[in-house]
Each structure stands twice: as structure tokens, then as C-alpha cells.
Amino acid sequence: MEENSSSASSLPNVAKASAIVMASLLMSRVLGIIREMIMNWKFGQSVETDAYRLAFQIPDLLFFLIAGGALSSAFIPVFSEYFHTERKAEAWKIFSSVVTVMSTLLVGLISLAWVFAVPLARLIAPGKDEATIQMIAEMSRILLPAQFAFFIGGLMAGTLYVRQVFSIPALGPNLYNLGIIFGALVISSLVSPAVSGMTWGATLGAFIGSIALPLWMMRRIGSEFRPSFSLAHPGTRKVFRLMAPVVLGLSLPSVFPMIIQYFASPLGEGVNSAMANANQLMQAPLGIFGQSLALAVFPALSQFFAQKREDLFEAQLEKSLRQALYLATPVAVLMAIVPAPLIRVLFEHGQFRAEDTARTALALTAFAVGIVGWCMQPILMRAYFSIQRTITPVIMGTVTTLVFVTLCLVIRGQSYPFFAYPLAGSACAFLLVAMLVAGLKTRFPGLGVANLGRTLGLSLFSSLVGIGLVWLTVQVTARLPIVAFIGAFGIACILYAWIYYFVTKSFHMPEATYLDRAFARLNRKTPSEPGA
């Protein structure tokens, strides 16, 4: 059992939490890539796959309209504040009220979205013909109930995070991906259009991973829930007050994929799918490095702030940001400079053709430019939520989103190529990070911004030292049979990782030292070491 049974003043084990969440999200991203490989093998990039991609826009719109992940982000610091200051009974009252109110609201909104799925499909997919609109609407209706699982499951996961239980919530995305894979391989043969089998699998995986599994763990370690519509408790009101600015805001991370798909919709067959494929590859490092570190550090930052330990807050936030920079930079350089080999190895099979690879590669380069910024963003947002300041980051996100939409309108007006849209998004990701860091620096003067810049600079230099080897390997082996090419490309990527590690170690970067300690723990075999 992972629950922290020590006193409220004990320090959370962020390193252990990071390892658990990172391992689980690594598996989730691997499954996500396998999911995309299976989908592209079976269906390629077509009108049907475009409809499948766009079908997620209506549930995503619902997710955005009622704050999405901000619900759990507003809930965790408040629940932690009561739970870690010996007011556990009150913490569970807050949980009960929030779950009851949000469940009722969600059922109502999901029902409305189900009824009006067709006009909503026309709204989010301009330029598509009526047959495609009908496909989008039908698949959206299948996906809508999954939003209930994500919202309420997020609240249950929040209580587990506060109690230092990370493994069970982290399994949710894995089961979700397995559901989609099951839908592609099994359910697709039973439904029409076949691609809609993945939407049935997605909904099944969402309920198993986000509802059933967290509920089982909560019952096992002890939790309290009594249905209540009461908003009288100050903690309950605080959760909704913290969440309200996000509902009213237009935060770029929440709407970025929706805006991209909206502007890509009229650009021809396969463009929506290419954008989604490239975005899926970009999401791998975001999940493994950005989201995992953000989820792991969030309860710790909330606890440090509740206990008025600003020194620990600053140190932990800076350390997490530097780790994200160190881990994300070499992946961003790899995806930006040699995107086509990655796509060829992963996707160019079955119905996925060489022209699909070329189109997706252009989008991936544009997406990859922003990977470092996108990896920092969730950590910075959690820092604001942990100090219960939600208005400031939402204002910053709204400003950045308006800049992004303006750039998209210019791109459309000037008829720039489709990959200009994700490139504009990457630029805006760095703009948002700059504003978030500047805002936190005014509140926490001890935050080492210069150290962040040094880590980014050295990480970028070290990546460029080794990327030439990968590029040269691609040029030499491009005409080899696919199996030989995969082997050569894989070896080159492994050597690239080792070059990066040794160059950063020669600079005495502390992040390389963290890896040393991680390797040492993995290699430890003495009986005296627990868990060895």
C-alpha cells in the first residue's frame, strides 16, 4: 500500500512519485503510439479517419466548457489543505459535495451535447460534407459518456494523489489506450463505419481506467462519500471559486488541439489525420516528462504552500522545471530535425502511404519546436494552482490564446501551408511559459530563472552535438529495406542518447547526476537495500 501514513508534517516523496507516474505515462505513450500504428495500418489517412479525429472535438469542447482538468487542479490543493491539517472529515465533505454537484451537471450537459451533436459537428468541422458531418456526430455521441468518467475519475484520482497513491490513477491512460486498441482490432469488425469501433473502445477504456479502478483503490484504503448538494462548506465554495476563472478563460493548453483541428478542417482529405498523428508523437514527451513531473510535484507543492515552506516550494519547483528541460530538449531536437524516419518506422505500413509520411513529417517538425515549452507549462500551471491562484494563469492563457487565434487567421488569410498552424502554436507555447515564469518570479524571488536558462542552453548544445550522427545515418540508410533501416535508425538514436548524457555530464549538470543516482538504484543488488 502506497498511502503515506506518517504525520502531516512529513515531506512527500516527490522522486518516488515522479518515477511511478513517469513509468506509467511512458507505458501510456508507448500504447498510444501502438494505437496510432494500428489505426494507420488499418485505415490510413482518409475521410473516415478525419471524421474519427474530429469526433473527439465535441467531447473536448464539453471538457473545455466546464474547466476540464482544472476541476481536479482546483480540488487537490483545497482537499490537501484540509487533509494535511488534521481536518480529514471536512476534506471528505468537500469531496462529496463536489462529486455530487459535478455529476449532476455533467449528466445534463452530456445529454444536451448528445441531442445537438449534428449542429455541434457542423460548428467544429467547417468545410466537411454532410455525410462526414453525420459520421462525426454519431461517433461523438459514443464518446460523450467517457467525459463523465474523466471528470469524476479525476476527482477520485486527486484524493489518491494527496495520499501519495500514484500507481492506480496512473494506470487510467493505459487502460484507455488498450480500450481503443481493442476497439480497432475487435469491435471495428462488428460496426459500421469500422473506424467507429475505436470510439466504443475508448468509452469502455475510460470507464474501466478512470472510474472502476480508482473506486476500487479508494474503498481499499478508506474513503468517505455521502451524496450532498450542499455548497455551504467554505472549502467546497473555494474549489468552485478557484475553478471559475478557468471556465471563463480561454487557456491555450486547453483549446490548442481544438483550434488546430478547426483550421485544418477545410484543408483537404488527410490533413486532420496528419495533424493528429504529429500531435500524438509530440504528446509522447509531453506526457512522459511534462505531465508526469507536474502530477508528481503538484501534491508536494500544495503541501509546502499549506505548511508555509516557501523555501521548499521554490527549490522543488525549480528542480522539476530543470528536469523537464533536460529530458525534453533532446527529444524535441530529434523530432524537429529527423521527423520523417520516426513516422516511417512507426506508421508507414498497411494503408499508410509515403505521401502520408511526408505530410505528417512537416506537421511534426512544427509541433516539435514547442515541445520544451509544452513540457514546462503543466508544471508551472500546477504551481499556480498549488498556491490557489487560478485567475493569473488563466488571464495569461487567454492572452496567449488570442495571440494564437490571431496568428491562425493571418495564416489562413495569407494561404500559408498547413504546418504554419502548429508552428504558431509552438511559438505561443514559449510566450505562455515566459509569462508564467515571470509571474511566479514576482511571488517567489528565490526561483532560479538564470538556472533554468543555463539548463536549456546546455541541453540544447548537447543535443546538437549528437543529432548529426542520427541525420547522417538516415541519409546513408534511407534506401535500405525497412527492417535494416529500423535497426540502423534505432542504434543511431541510442548512441544519440548516450552522447547527450555524457556531454551533459561533462558540464556537471545536476540533472545528469540525478540519472546517475537512478542508474545506481536500478543496479543495486545488495540484500540490505529494500526493494532491490
Protein backbone atom coordinates (compact mmCIF):
# COMPACT_ATOMS: atom_id res chain seq x y z
CA MET A 1 0.00 0.00 0.00
CA GLU A 2 1.38 3.40 -1.02
CA GLU A 3 -0.56 5.64 1.33
CA ASN A 4 1.63 7.89 3.41
CA SER A 5 0.86 7.10 6.99
CA SER A 6 3.31 9.48 8.58
CA SER A 7 2.43 12.73 10.25
CA ALA A 8 1.11 15.73 8.41
CA SER A 9 4.46 17.44 8.66
CA SER A 10 6.32 14.68 6.79
CA LEU A 11 7.71 15.55 3.39
CA PRO A 12 6.22 13.86 0.31
CA ASN A 13 8.49 11.61 -1.71
CA VAL A 14 8.47 13.51 -5.00
CA ALA A 15 11.23 11.38 -6.53
CA LYS A 16 9.28 8.17 -5.95
CA ALA A 17 6.06 9.76 -7.19
CA SER A 18 7.85 11.04 -10.31
CA ALA A 19 9.26 7.60 -11.03
CA ILE A 20 5.86 5.91 -10.68
CA VAL A 21 3.99 8.45 -12.79
CA MET A 22 6.75 8.71 -15.40
CA ALA A 23 6.90 4.92 -15.82
CA SER A 24 3.15 4.69 -16.17
CA LEU A 25 2.92 7.59 -18.60
CA LEU A 26 5.82 6.12 -20.57
CA MET A 27 3.78 2.95 -20.95
CA SER A 28 0.73 5.05 -21.83
CA ARG A 29 2.61 6.90 -24.58
CA VAL A 30 4.02 3.64 -25.91
CA LEU A 31 0.49 2.23 -26.03
CA GLY A 32 -0.65 5.49 -27.63
CA ILE A 33 1.92 5.07 -30.40
CA ILE A 34 0.91 1.41 -30.85
CA ARG A 35 -2.71 2.58 -31.01
CA GLU A 36 -1.82 5.04 -33.78
CA MET A 37 0.21 2.40 -35.61
CA ILE A 38 -2.74 0.01 -35.60
CA MET A 39 -5.15 2.73 -36.70
CA ASN A 40 -2.91 3.91 -39.54
CA TRP A 41 -2.24 0.31 -40.62
CA LYS A 42 -5.95 -0.47 -40.81
CA PHE A 43 -7.38 2.84 -42.01
CA GLY A 44 -4.54 5.09 -43.26
CA GLN A 45 -5.33 8.81 -43.55
CA SER A 46 -8.79 9.16 -45.10
CA VAL A 47 -12.19 10.84 -44.80
CA GLU A 48 -13.19 8.26 -42.17
CA THR A 49 -10.10 8.86 -40.04
CA ASP A 50 -10.58 12.61 -40.36
CA ALA A 51 -14.14 12.11 -39.06
CA TYR A 52 -12.83 9.97 -36.20
CA ARG A 53 -10.31 12.66 -35.21
CA LEU A 54 -12.93 15.40 -35.37
CA ALA A 55 -15.43 13.30 -33.38
CA PHE A 56 -13.30 13.95 -30.29
CA GLN A 57 -13.78 17.70 -30.71
CA ILE A 58 -17.34 17.75 -29.31
CA PRO A 59 -16.40 15.87 -26.10
CA ASP A 60 -13.29 18.05 -25.87
CA LEU A 61 -15.47 21.14 -26.21
CA LEU A 62 -17.58 19.92 -23.29
CA PHE A 63 -14.39 19.21 -21.34
CA PHE A 64 -13.20 22.74 -22.00
CA LEU A 65 -16.51 24.44 -21.20
CA ILE A 66 -16.61 23.11 -17.65
CA ALA A 67 -12.92 23.60 -16.98
CA GLY A 68 -11.71 20.05 -17.67
CA GLY A 69 -8.54 19.27 -15.77
CA ALA A 70 -8.89 22.50 -13.81
CA LEU A 71 -11.58 20.82 -11.70
CA SER A 72 -9.09 18.41 -10.18
CA SER A 73 -6.40 21.12 -10.18
CA ALA A 74 -8.67 23.35 -8.09
CA PHE A 75 -9.79 20.43 -5.92
CA ILE A 76 -6.38 18.96 -4.97
CA PRO A 77 -4.90 21.99 -3.13
CA VAL A 78 -8.13 22.54 -1.16
CA PHE A 79 -8.51 18.85 -0.29
CA SER A 80 -4.79 18.76 0.62
CA GLU A 81 -5.16 21.87 2.80
CA TYR A 82 -7.81 20.15 4.94
CA PHE A 83 -6.37 16.64 4.77
CA HIS A 84 -2.86 17.67 5.85
CA THR A 85 -4.01 19.93 8.69
CA GLU A 86 -5.89 17.28 10.65
CA ARG A 87 -9.33 18.06 9.18
CA LYS A 88 -9.89 14.86 7.23
CA ALA A 89 -13.62 14.63 7.91
CA GLU A 90 -14.10 18.07 6.41
CA ALA A 91 -11.93 17.10 3.43
CA TRP A 92 -14.30 14.23 2.66
CA LYS A 93 -17.34 16.51 2.99
CA ILE A 94 -15.80 18.74 0.33
CA PHE A 95 -15.16 15.72 -1.90
CA SER A 96 -18.75 14.50 -1.51
CA SER A 97 -20.28 17.86 -2.38
CA VAL A 98 -18.06 18.48 -5.40
CA VAL A 99 -18.66 14.99 -6.82
CA THR A 100 -22.44 15.21 -6.35
CA VAL A 101 -22.79 18.66 -7.91
CA MET A 102 -20.45 17.96 -10.82
CA SER A 103 -22.04 14.57 -11.56
CA THR A 104 -25.46 16.17 -11.92
CA LEU A 105 -24.11 18.99 -14.08
CA LEU A 106 -22.20 16.58 -16.28
CA VAL A 107 -25.15 14.29 -16.95
CA GLY A 108 -27.20 17.30 -18.04
CA LEU A 109 -24.51 18.72 -20.33
CA ILE A 110 -23.67 15.34 -21.85
CA SER A 111 -27.37 14.84 -22.64
CA LEU A 112 -27.58 18.24 -24.35
CA ALA A 113 -24.42 17.59 -26.37
CA TRP A 114 -25.81 14.20 -27.42
CA VAL A 115 -29.07 15.80 -28.67
CA PHE A 116 -27.30 18.62 -30.53
CA ALA A 117 -24.38 16.54 -31.84
CA VAL A 118 -25.10 17.32 -35.52
CA PRO A 119 -25.12 21.14 -35.27
CA LEU A 120 -22.08 20.93 -32.99
CA ALA A 121 -20.33 18.81 -35.63
CA ARG A 122 -21.02 21.50 -38.22
CA LEU A 123 -19.54 24.07 -35.84
CA ILE A 124 -16.27 22.24 -35.19
CA ALA A 125 -15.74 20.85 -38.72
CA PRO A 126 -16.28 23.66 -41.24
CA GLY A 127 -15.87 22.65 -44.86
CA LYS A 128 -16.84 18.99 -44.39
CA ASP A 129 -19.68 17.46 -46.44
CA GLU A 130 -22.93 16.32 -44.84
CA ALA A 131 -22.03 12.63 -44.85
CA THR A 132 -18.85 13.36 -42.92
CA ILE A 133 -20.77 15.60 -40.51
CA GLN A 134 -23.13 12.72 -39.74
CA MET A 135 -20.19 10.38 -39.11
CA ILE A 136 -18.61 12.93 -36.76
CA ALA A 137 -21.87 13.36 -34.83
CA GLU A 138 -22.52 9.62 -34.42
CA MET A 139 -19.01 8.90 -33.16
CA SER A 140 -19.16 11.92 -30.85
CA ARG A 141 -22.31 10.51 -29.23
CA ILE A 142 -20.45 7.29 -28.50
CA LEU A 143 -17.58 9.23 -26.92
CA LEU A 144 -19.58 11.68 -24.82
CA PRO A 145 -20.24 9.40 -21.80
CA ALA A 146 -16.48 8.96 -21.41
CA GLN A 147 -16.31 12.59 -20.26
CA PHE A 148 -18.22 11.62 -17.11
CA ALA A 149 -15.52 9.04 -16.37
CA PHE A 150 -12.72 11.54 -16.94
CA PHE A 151 -14.23 14.27 -14.74
CA ILE A 152 -15.31 12.18 -11.77
CA GLY A 153 -12.33 9.88 -12.12
CA GLY A 154 -10.10 12.95 -11.94
CA LEU A 155 -11.58 13.88 -8.57
CA MET A 156 -11.08 10.38 -7.21
CA ALA A 157 -7.52 10.39 -8.51
CA GLY A 158 -6.98 13.73 -6.75
CA THR A 159 -7.77 12.20 -3.36
CA LEU A 160 -5.32 9.38 -4.11
CA TYR A 161 -2.57 11.82 -5.14
CA VAL A 162 -2.95 13.73 -1.88
CA ARG A 163 -2.49 10.44 -0.01
CA GLN A 164 0.63 9.66 -2.10
CA VAL A 165 -1.05 6.87 -4.10
CA PHE A 166 0.09 7.39 -7.68
CA SER A 167 0.20 4.00 -9.39
CA ILE A 168 -3.55 3.34 -9.62
CA PRO A 169 -4.55 6.71 -11.16
CA ALA A 170 -1.58 6.44 -13.49
CA LEU A 171 -2.97 3.20 -14.93
CA GLY A 172 -6.04 5.01 -16.26
CA PRO A 173 -4.47 6.26 -19.53
CA ASN A 174 -3.04 2.80 -20.19
CA LEU A 175 -6.44 1.15 -19.91
CA TYR A 176 -7.94 3.90 -22.07
CA ASN A 177 -5.40 3.19 -24.83
CA LEU A 178 -5.93 -0.55 -24.50
CA GLY A 179 -9.65 0.07 -24.93
CA ILE A 180 -9.08 1.93 -28.20
CA ILE A 181 -6.72 -0.81 -29.42
CA PHE A 182 -9.37 -3.42 -28.58
CA GLY A 183 -11.88 -1.32 -30.48
CA ALA A 184 -9.64 -1.18 -33.55
CA LEU A 185 -8.80 -4.88 -33.59
CA VAL A 186 -12.08 -6.43 -32.43
CA ILE A 187 -15.07 -4.06 -32.25
CA SER A 188 -14.33 -2.49 -35.67
CA SER A 189 -15.32 -5.72 -37.37
CA LEU A 190 -18.77 -5.53 -35.74
CA VAL A 191 -19.77 -1.92 -36.50
CA SER A 192 -20.06 0.48 -39.43
CA PRO A 193 -18.12 2.52 -40.24
CA ALA A 194 -15.36 0.24 -38.97
CA VAL A 195 -13.35 3.17 -37.60
CA SER A 196 -16.13 3.84 -35.07
CA GLY A 197 -15.10 0.67 -33.24
CA MET A 198 -12.31 2.71 -31.69
CA THR A 199 -14.81 5.15 -30.18
CA TRP A 200 -16.63 2.26 -28.46
CA GLY A 201 -13.28 1.00 -27.19
CA ALA A 202 -12.34 4.49 -25.95
CA THR A 203 -15.51 4.80 -23.87
CA LEU A 204 -15.08 1.31 -22.43
CA GLY A 205 -11.45 2.01 -21.50
CA ALA A 206 -12.37 5.35 -19.95
CA PHE A 207 -14.88 3.83 -17.54
CA ILE A 208 -12.61 0.95 -16.53
CA GLY A 209 -9.47 3.08 -16.08
CA SER A 210 -10.95 6.29 -14.68
CA ILE A 211 -13.93 5.05 -12.65
CA ALA A 212 -13.71 1.36 -11.74
CA LEU A 213 -10.02 1.18 -10.81
CA PRO A 214 -9.76 4.38 -8.68
CA LEU A 215 -13.04 3.50 -6.95
CA TRP A 216 -11.65 0.07 -6.02
CA MET A 217 -8.49 1.62 -4.54
CA MET A 218 -10.40 4.30 -2.63
CA ARG A 219 -12.56 1.64 -0.99
CA ARG A 220 -9.49 -0.42 -0.18
CA ILE A 221 -7.56 2.31 1.64
CA GLY A 222 -10.57 4.01 3.18
CA SER A 223 -12.61 6.90 1.83
CA GLU A 224 -15.85 8.62 2.69
CA PHE A 225 -18.59 9.68 0.28
CA ARG A 226 -22.14 10.75 1.06
CA PRO A 227 -24.18 12.40 -1.73
CA SER A 228 -24.62 16.08 -0.91
CA PHE A 229 -25.68 19.14 -2.88
CA SER A 230 -24.61 21.44 -0.07
CA LEU A 231 -22.38 24.36 -1.03
CA ALA A 232 -22.29 25.72 2.49
CA HIS A 233 -18.84 24.45 3.43
CA PRO A 234 -16.18 27.12 2.80
CA GLY A 235 -13.86 24.50 1.27
CA THR A 236 -16.47 23.50 -1.31
CA ARG A 237 -17.09 27.11 -2.25
CA LYS A 238 -13.33 27.59 -2.50
CA VAL A 239 -12.99 24.74 -5.03
CA PHE A 240 -15.62 26.25 -7.33
CA ARG A 241 -14.23 29.75 -6.81
CA LEU A 242 -10.78 28.55 -7.88
CA MET A 243 -12.27 26.72 -10.85
CA ALA A 244 -14.47 29.59 -12.05
CA PRO A 245 -11.74 31.65 -13.76
CA VAL A 246 -10.77 28.63 -15.85
CA VAL A 247 -14.35 28.18 -17.05
CA LEU A 248 -14.43 31.80 -18.16
CA GLY A 249 -10.93 31.80 -19.62
CA LEU A 250 -9.52 30.54 -22.92
CA SER A 251 -6.32 28.86 -21.75
CA LEU A 252 -4.14 27.88 -24.71
CA PRO A 253 -3.25 24.36 -23.49
CA SER A 254 -6.96 23.50 -23.22
CA VAL A 255 -8.03 24.68 -26.65
CA PHE A 256 -4.81 24.34 -28.70
CA PRO A 257 -5.72 20.95 -30.31
CA MET A 258 -9.27 22.14 -30.97
CA ILE A 259 -8.12 25.29 -32.71
CA ILE A 260 -5.60 23.36 -34.81
CA GLN A 261 -8.23 20.85 -35.96
CA TYR A 262 -10.74 23.64 -36.68
CA PHE A 263 -8.39 25.48 -39.03
CA ALA A 264 -7.18 22.20 -40.60
CA SER A 265 -10.73 21.02 -41.36
CA PRO A 266 -11.14 22.75 -44.77
CA LEU A 267 -7.61 21.89 -45.98
CA GLY A 268 -8.39 18.62 -47.71
CA GLU A 269 -8.53 14.88 -47.10
CA GLY A 270 -5.99 13.54 -44.61
CA VAL A 271 -4.83 16.87 -43.15
CA ASN A 272 -6.80 16.44 -39.91
CA SER A 273 -5.34 12.96 -39.55
CA ALA A 274 -1.80 14.18 -40.29
CA MET A 275 -2.14 16.90 -37.65
CA ALA A 276 -3.44 14.35 -35.16
CA ASN A 277 -0.65 11.87 -35.92
CA ALA A 278 2.02 14.54 -35.49
CA ASN A 279 0.38 15.85 -32.34
CA GLN A 280 0.25 12.29 -30.93
CA LEU A 281 4.01 11.92 -31.40
CA MET A 282 4.59 15.31 -29.78
CA GLN A 283 2.37 14.28 -26.87
CA ALA A 284 4.72 11.39 -26.00
CA PRO A 285 7.47 13.54 -24.41
CA LEU A 286 4.82 15.90 -23.02
CA GLY A 287 3.23 13.05 -21.11
CA ILE A 288 6.40 11.25 -20.08
CA PHE A 289 8.33 14.33 -18.96
CA GLY A 290 5.94 17.27 -18.57
CA GLN A 291 2.71 15.76 -17.27
CA SER A 292 4.40 13.11 -15.12
CA LEU A 293 6.56 15.66 -13.31
CA ALA A 294 3.58 18.01 -12.95
CA LEU A 295 1.34 15.32 -11.46
CA ALA A 296 4.08 14.12 -9.12
CA VAL A 297 5.08 17.56 -7.84
CA PHE A 298 1.57 19.02 -7.51
CA PRO A 299 0.66 17.45 -4.14
CA ALA A 300 4.10 18.35 -2.77
CA LEU A 301 3.81 21.99 -3.84
CA SER A 302 0.31 22.16 -2.37
CA GLN A 303 1.57 20.71 0.91
CA PHE A 304 4.59 23.04 1.08
CA PHE A 305 2.37 26.05 0.50
CA ALA A 306 -0.20 24.90 3.08
CA GLN A 307 2.63 24.46 5.60
CA LYS A 308 4.18 27.86 4.63
CA ARG A 309 7.50 26.31 3.48
CA GLU A 310 8.29 28.70 0.64
CA ASP A 311 11.96 27.65 0.57
CA LEU A 312 10.98 24.06 -0.19
CA PHE A 313 8.35 25.25 -2.67
CA GLU A 314 10.90 27.27 -4.68
CA ALA A 315 13.53 24.54 -4.62
CA GLN A 316 11.12 21.81 -5.70
CA LEU A 317 9.56 23.89 -8.47
CA GLU A 318 12.94 24.87 -9.93
CA LYS A 319 14.21 21.29 -9.73
CA SER A 320 11.13 19.95 -11.56
CA LEU A 321 11.36 22.58 -14.30
CA ARG A 322 15.05 21.86 -14.87
CA GLN A 323 14.37 18.14 -15.06
CA ALA A 324 11.68 18.78 -17.67
CA LEU A 325 14.06 20.93 -19.72
CA TYR A 326 16.84 18.37 -19.50
CA LEU A 327 14.67 15.45 -20.58
CA ALA A 328 12.55 17.18 -23.22
CA THR A 329 15.23 19.07 -25.17
CA PRO A 330 16.96 16.11 -26.88
CA VAL A 331 13.61 14.62 -27.88
CA ALA A 332 12.48 17.95 -29.32
CA VAL A 333 15.68 18.25 -31.37
CA LEU A 334 15.32 14.67 -32.66
CA MET A 335 11.69 15.15 -33.73
CA ALA A 336 12.35 18.54 -35.31
CA ILE A 337 15.39 17.53 -37.37
CA VAL A 338 14.61 13.93 -38.40
CA PRO A 339 10.80 13.59 -38.25
CA ALA A 340 10.27 11.51 -41.39
CA PRO A 341 12.25 8.44 -40.22
CA LEU A 342 10.24 8.33 -37.00
CA ILE A 343 6.98 8.41 -38.92
CA ARG A 344 8.21 5.89 -41.49
CA VAL A 345 9.25 3.44 -38.78
CA LEU A 346 6.07 3.82 -36.74
CA PHE A 347 3.28 4.43 -39.21
CA GLU A 348 4.22 3.70 -42.85
CA HIS A 349 2.60 0.28 -43.02
CA GLY A 350 -0.63 -1.09 -44.48
CA GLN A 351 -2.89 1.74 -45.66
CA PHE A 352 -0.46 4.48 -44.54
CA ARG A 353 1.46 5.65 -47.63
CA ALA A 354 4.69 7.56 -48.30
CA GLU A 355 2.77 10.75 -49.08
CA ASP A 356 1.10 10.44 -45.66
CA THR A 357 4.57 10.26 -44.10
CA ALA A 358 5.72 13.40 -45.92
CA ARG A 359 2.63 15.36 -44.88
CA THR A 360 2.85 14.23 -41.25
CA ALA A 361 6.60 14.98 -41.08
CA LEU A 362 6.04 18.64 -41.92
CA ALA A 363 3.50 18.92 -39.12
CA LEU A 364 5.74 17.08 -36.64
CA THR A 365 8.67 19.45 -37.19
CA ALA A 366 6.39 22.39 -36.45
CA PHE A 367 4.92 20.71 -33.36
CA ALA A 368 8.37 19.64 -32.09
CA VAL A 369 9.63 23.22 -31.91
CA GLY A 370 7.31 23.79 -28.96
CA ILE A 371 7.94 20.55 -27.03
CA VAL A 372 10.15 22.17 -24.38
CA GLY A 373 7.61 24.90 -23.73
CA TRP A 374 4.70 22.46 -23.57
CA CYS A 375 6.63 20.27 -21.08
CA MET A 376 7.23 23.22 -18.76
CA GLN A 377 3.68 24.55 -18.96
CA PRO A 378 1.85 21.88 -16.88
CA ILE A 379 4.41 22.19 -14.06
CA LEU A 380 4.05 25.96 -14.00
CA MET A 381 0.25 25.76 -14.07
CA ARG A 382 0.29 23.32 -11.14
CA ALA A 383 2.49 25.77 -9.24
CA TYR A 384 -0.18 28.47 -9.61
CA PHE A 385 -2.96 26.07 -8.63
CA SER A 386 -1.00 24.87 -5.60
CA ILE A 387 -0.88 28.44 -4.23
CA GLN A 388 -4.59 28.77 -5.10
CA ARG A 389 -4.09 31.50 -7.69
CA THR A 390 -6.15 30.49 -10.73
CA ILE A 391 -7.03 33.89 -12.17
CA THR A 392 -3.47 34.89 -13.10
CA PRO A 393 -2.54 31.86 -15.26
CA VAL A 394 -5.96 31.90 -16.95
CA ILE A 395 -5.52 35.55 -17.90
CA MET A 396 -2.09 34.69 -19.31
CA GLY A 397 -3.51 31.67 -21.11
CA THR A 398 -6.36 33.71 -22.54
CA VAL A 399 -3.99 36.40 -23.84
CA THR A 400 -1.78 33.74 -25.43
CA THR A 401 -4.80 32.02 -26.99
CA LEU A 402 -5.98 35.28 -28.53
CA VAL A 403 -2.49 35.77 -29.98
CA PHE A 404 -2.59 32.23 -31.37
CA VAL A 405 -6.03 32.67 -32.96
CA THR A 406 -4.88 35.96 -34.50
CA LEU A 407 -1.85 34.20 -35.99
CA CYS A 408 -4.09 31.42 -37.33
CA LEU A 409 -6.36 33.96 -39.01
CA VAL A 410 -3.33 35.59 -40.63
CA ILE A 411 -2.06 32.19 -41.78
CA ARG A 412 -5.43 31.34 -43.31
CA GLY A 413 -5.75 34.77 -44.92
CA GLN A 414 -2.29 34.53 -46.48
CA SER A 415 -2.81 30.87 -47.54
CA TYR A 416 0.35 29.72 -45.80
CA PRO A 417 0.95 25.94 -45.73
CA PHE A 418 -0.90 23.85 -43.14
CA PHE A 419 2.15 23.30 -40.92
CA ALA A 420 2.24 27.03 -40.17
CA TYR A 421 -0.61 26.47 -37.68
CA PRO A 422 1.30 24.15 -35.30
CA LEU A 423 4.39 26.33 -35.75
CA ALA A 424 2.40 29.32 -34.49
CA GLY A 425 1.21 27.19 -31.58
CA SER A 426 4.79 26.29 -30.68
CA ALA A 427 5.76 29.96 -30.61
CA CYS A 428 2.80 30.74 -28.37
CA ALA A 429 3.78 27.91 -26.00
CA PHE A 430 7.04 29.73 -25.25
CA LEU A 431 5.19 33.03 -24.89
CA LEU A 432 2.91 31.46 -22.28
CA VAL A 433 5.83 29.90 -20.38
CA ALA A 434 7.66 33.24 -20.29
CA MET A 435 4.61 34.94 -18.76
CA LEU A 436 4.02 32.15 -16.25
CA VAL A 437 7.64 32.18 -15.08
CA ALA A 438 7.67 35.96 -14.79
CA GLY A 439 4.51 35.88 -12.68
CA LEU A 440 5.91 33.24 -10.31
CA LYS A 441 9.20 35.11 -10.03
CA THR A 442 7.41 38.12 -8.55
CA ARG A 443 5.78 35.87 -5.93
CA PHE A 444 8.84 33.66 -5.27
CA PRO A 445 12.01 35.73 -5.75
CA GLY A 446 14.19 32.73 -4.94
CA LEU A 447 13.12 30.90 -8.10
CA GLY A 448 16.32 30.50 -10.15
CA VAL A 449 15.34 31.72 -13.62
CA ALA A 450 19.01 32.01 -14.63
CA ASN A 451 19.49 28.35 -13.72
CA LEU A 452 16.58 27.43 -16.00
CA GLY A 453 18.21 29.32 -18.85
CA ARG A 454 21.54 27.59 -18.24
CA THR A 455 19.91 24.16 -18.25
CA LEU A 456 18.10 24.93 -21.51
CA GLY A 457 21.24 26.27 -23.18
CA LEU A 458 23.48 23.36 -22.19
CA SER A 459 20.79 20.82 -23.04
CA LEU A 460 20.30 22.33 -26.50
CA PHE A 461 24.05 22.42 -27.17
CA SER A 462 24.48 18.81 -26.03
CA SER A 463 21.60 17.70 -28.26
CA LEU A 464 23.09 19.38 -31.31
CA VAL A 465 26.42 17.64 -30.67
CA GLY A 466 24.84 14.23 -31.19
CA ILE A 467 21.99 14.81 -33.63
CA GLY A 468 24.36 14.92 -36.61
CA LEU A 469 25.02 11.20 -36.16
CA VAL A 470 21.31 10.43 -36.48
CA TRP A 471 20.90 12.68 -39.51
CA LEU A 472 23.90 11.09 -41.27
CA THR A 473 22.62 7.59 -40.52
CA VAL A 474 19.28 8.46 -42.10
CA GLN A 475 20.94 9.77 -45.25
CA VAL A 476 23.12 6.68 -45.66
CA THR A 477 20.46 4.05 -44.89
CA ALA A 478 17.34 5.66 -46.40
CA ARG A 479 17.19 3.20 -49.33
CA LEU A 480 17.74 0.07 -47.28
CA PRO A 481 14.88 -2.40 -46.70
CA ILE A 482 12.62 -1.29 -43.86
CA VAL A 483 13.92 -3.85 -41.34
CA ALA A 484 17.55 -2.82 -41.89
CA PHE A 485 16.59 0.85 -41.79
CA ILE A 486 14.74 0.42 -38.48
CA GLY A 487 17.79 -1.31 -36.97
CA ALA A 488 20.23 1.36 -38.13
CA PHE A 489 17.94 4.21 -37.06
CA GLY A 490 17.35 2.61 -33.65
CA ILE A 491 21.08 2.17 -32.99
CA ALA A 492 21.73 5.78 -34.04
CA CYS A 493 19.06 7.04 -31.62
CA ILE A 494 20.55 5.02 -28.75
CA LEU A 495 24.01 6.43 -29.47
CA TYR A 496 22.48 9.91 -29.64
CA ALA A 497 21.04 9.45 -26.15
CA TRP A 498 24.38 8.30 -24.75
CA ILE A 499 26.25 11.20 -26.41
CA TYR A 500 23.75 13.60 -24.88
CA TYR A 501 24.15 12.03 -21.44
CA PHE A 502 27.95 12.10 -21.45
CA VAL A 503 28.19 15.64 -22.85
CA THR A 504 25.78 16.97 -20.20
CA LYS A 505 27.67 15.03 -17.54
CA SER A 506 30.91 16.69 -18.65
CA PHE A 507 29.20 20.04 -17.97
CA HIS A 508 28.44 18.81 -14.42
CA MET A 509 24.75 19.37 -14.93
CA PRO A 510 22.85 18.27 -11.79
CA GLU A 511 20.18 16.62 -13.95
CA ALA A 512 22.80 14.17 -15.25
CA THR A 513 23.65 13.42 -11.62
CA TYR A 514 20.00 12.56 -10.99
CA LEU A 515 20.26 9.98 -13.78
CA ASP A 516 23.43 8.60 -12.19
CA ARG A 517 21.57 8.04 -8.96
CA ALA A 518 18.65 6.45 -10.80
CA PHE A 519 21.00 4.05 -12.60
CA ALA A 520 22.70 3.23 -9.31
CA ARG A 521 19.36 2.37 -7.70
CA LEU A 522 18.47 0.11 -10.61
CA ASN A 523 21.80 -1.70 -10.37
CA ARG A 524 21.73 -2.09 -6.60
CA LYS A 525 21.53 -5.76 -5.67
CA THR A 526 22.61 -5.93 -2.03
CA PRO A 527 20.17 -7.63 0.38
CA SER A 528 20.25 -4.63 2.70
CA GLU A 529 18.52 -2.46 0.11
CA PRO A 530 14.74 -2.74 0.40
CA GLY A 531 13.00 -3.24 -2.89
CA ALA A 532 16.27 -4.05 -4.65
